[in-house]
Amino acid sequence: ESTVFKLGIIPGVGAKRGNRGLPVSEWIKWLTDLKNLKPDMQLHIFGGPDETLLAEELIQQLEWPSGIIHNHVGQWSIL
């Protein structure tokens, strides 16, 4: 029986510090390499409403099959 590897990331750093985050291309390289090591990986993306476009861009560029990426951006508050 295989165990699913679940990875949660917060790819953004907020609207005020957007220049401090990793570029999308670096996230794509890192996540693709990790997926090659862990084919059963599920990706969970977290962040505030400011990261919505970033998360959508990551999902689009990764082109992974449905059910592997779970986008939780903007759904929860830290409070």
Protein backbone atom coordinates (compact mmCIF):
# COMPACT_ATOMS: atom_id res chain seq x y z
CA GLU A 1 0.00 0.00 0.00
CA SER A 2 1.46 3.35 -1.00
CA THR A 3 1.22 6.49 1.06
CA VAL A 4 0.37 9.74 -0.69
CA PHE A 5 2.98 12.43 -0.21
CA LYS A 6 1.17 15.70 0.54
CA LEU A 7 3.05 18.94 0.06
CA GLY A 8 1.71 22.33 1.13
CA ILE A 9 3.30 25.50 -0.22
CA ILE A 10 2.75 29.22 0.17
CA PRO A 11 4.31 30.53 -3.05
CA GLY A 12 3.53 34.21 -2.55
CA VAL A 13 4.78 36.82 -0.13
CA GLY A 14 1.88 39.27 -0.33
CA ALA A 15 1.23 42.32 -2.47
CA LYS A 16 3.58 44.59 -0.52
CA ARG A 17 6.61 42.31 -0.90
CA GLY A 18 5.97 40.64 -4.26
CA ASN A 19 9.54 41.22 -5.42
CA ARG A 20 10.86 39.00 -2.60
CA GLY A 21 9.17 35.79 -3.74
CA LEU A 22 10.50 33.11 -6.04
CA PRO A 23 9.66 33.60 -9.71
CA VAL A 24 7.06 31.21 -11.12
CA SER A 25 9.74 29.57 -13.29
CA GLU A 26 11.71 28.57 -10.16
CA TRP A 27 8.59 27.13 -8.49
CA ILE A 28 7.89 25.12 -11.67
CA LYS A 29 11.43 23.69 -11.75
CA TRP A 30 11.41 22.83 -8.04
CA LEU A 31 7.92 21.28 -8.06
CA THR A 32 8.58 19.31 -11.26
CA ASP A 33 11.78 17.85 -9.80
CA LEU A 34 9.99 16.93 -6.59
CA LYS A 35 7.09 15.34 -8.51
CA ASN A 36 9.62 13.23 -10.41
CA LEU A 37 10.97 11.99 -7.06
CA LYS A 38 7.50 11.54 -5.52
CA PRO A 39 5.09 10.58 -8.35
CA ASP A 40 2.24 10.07 -5.87
CA MET A 41 2.54 13.65 -4.58
CA GLN A 42 -0.46 15.90 -3.98
CA LEU A 43 0.21 19.63 -4.03
CA HIS A 44 -1.75 21.99 -1.77
CA ILE A 45 -1.31 25.70 -2.49
CA PHE A 46 -2.08 28.20 0.29
CA GLY A 47 -1.99 31.97 0.52
CA GLY A 48 -4.06 35.10 0.79
CA PRO A 49 -6.23 36.69 -1.89
CA ASP A 50 -3.17 38.53 -3.24
CA GLU A 51 -1.71 35.19 -4.35
CA THR A 52 -4.71 34.14 -6.48
CA LEU A 53 -3.11 34.97 -9.83
CA LEU A 54 0.19 33.41 -8.80
CA ALA A 55 -1.52 30.15 -7.82
CA GLU A 56 -3.51 30.07 -11.06
CA GLU A 57 -0.33 30.63 -13.08
CA LEU A 58 1.46 27.81 -11.25
CA ILE A 59 -1.44 25.42 -11.83
CA GLN A 60 -1.63 26.34 -15.51
CA GLN A 61 2.09 25.94 -16.13
CA LEU A 62 2.42 22.67 -14.20
CA GLU A 63 -0.25 21.01 -16.39
CA TRP A 64 -0.64 18.13 -13.94
CA PRO A 65 -3.67 15.81 -14.12
CA SER A 66 -6.83 16.76 -12.25
CA GLY A 67 -6.90 15.90 -8.54
CA ILE A 68 -3.19 16.36 -7.91
CA ILE A 69 -3.23 20.10 -7.20
CA HIS A 70 -5.53 21.55 -4.55
CA ASN A 71 -5.84 25.33 -4.62
CA HIS A 72 -6.74 26.74 -1.19
CA VAL A 73 -5.58 30.31 -1.92
CA GLY A 74 -7.83 32.94 -0.38
CA GLN A 75 -10.07 30.37 1.29
CA TRP A 76 -8.89 30.75 4.85
CA SER A 77 -7.88 33.55 7.15
CA ILE A 78 -4.98 33.31 9.58
CA LEU A 79 -7.46 34.35 12.26
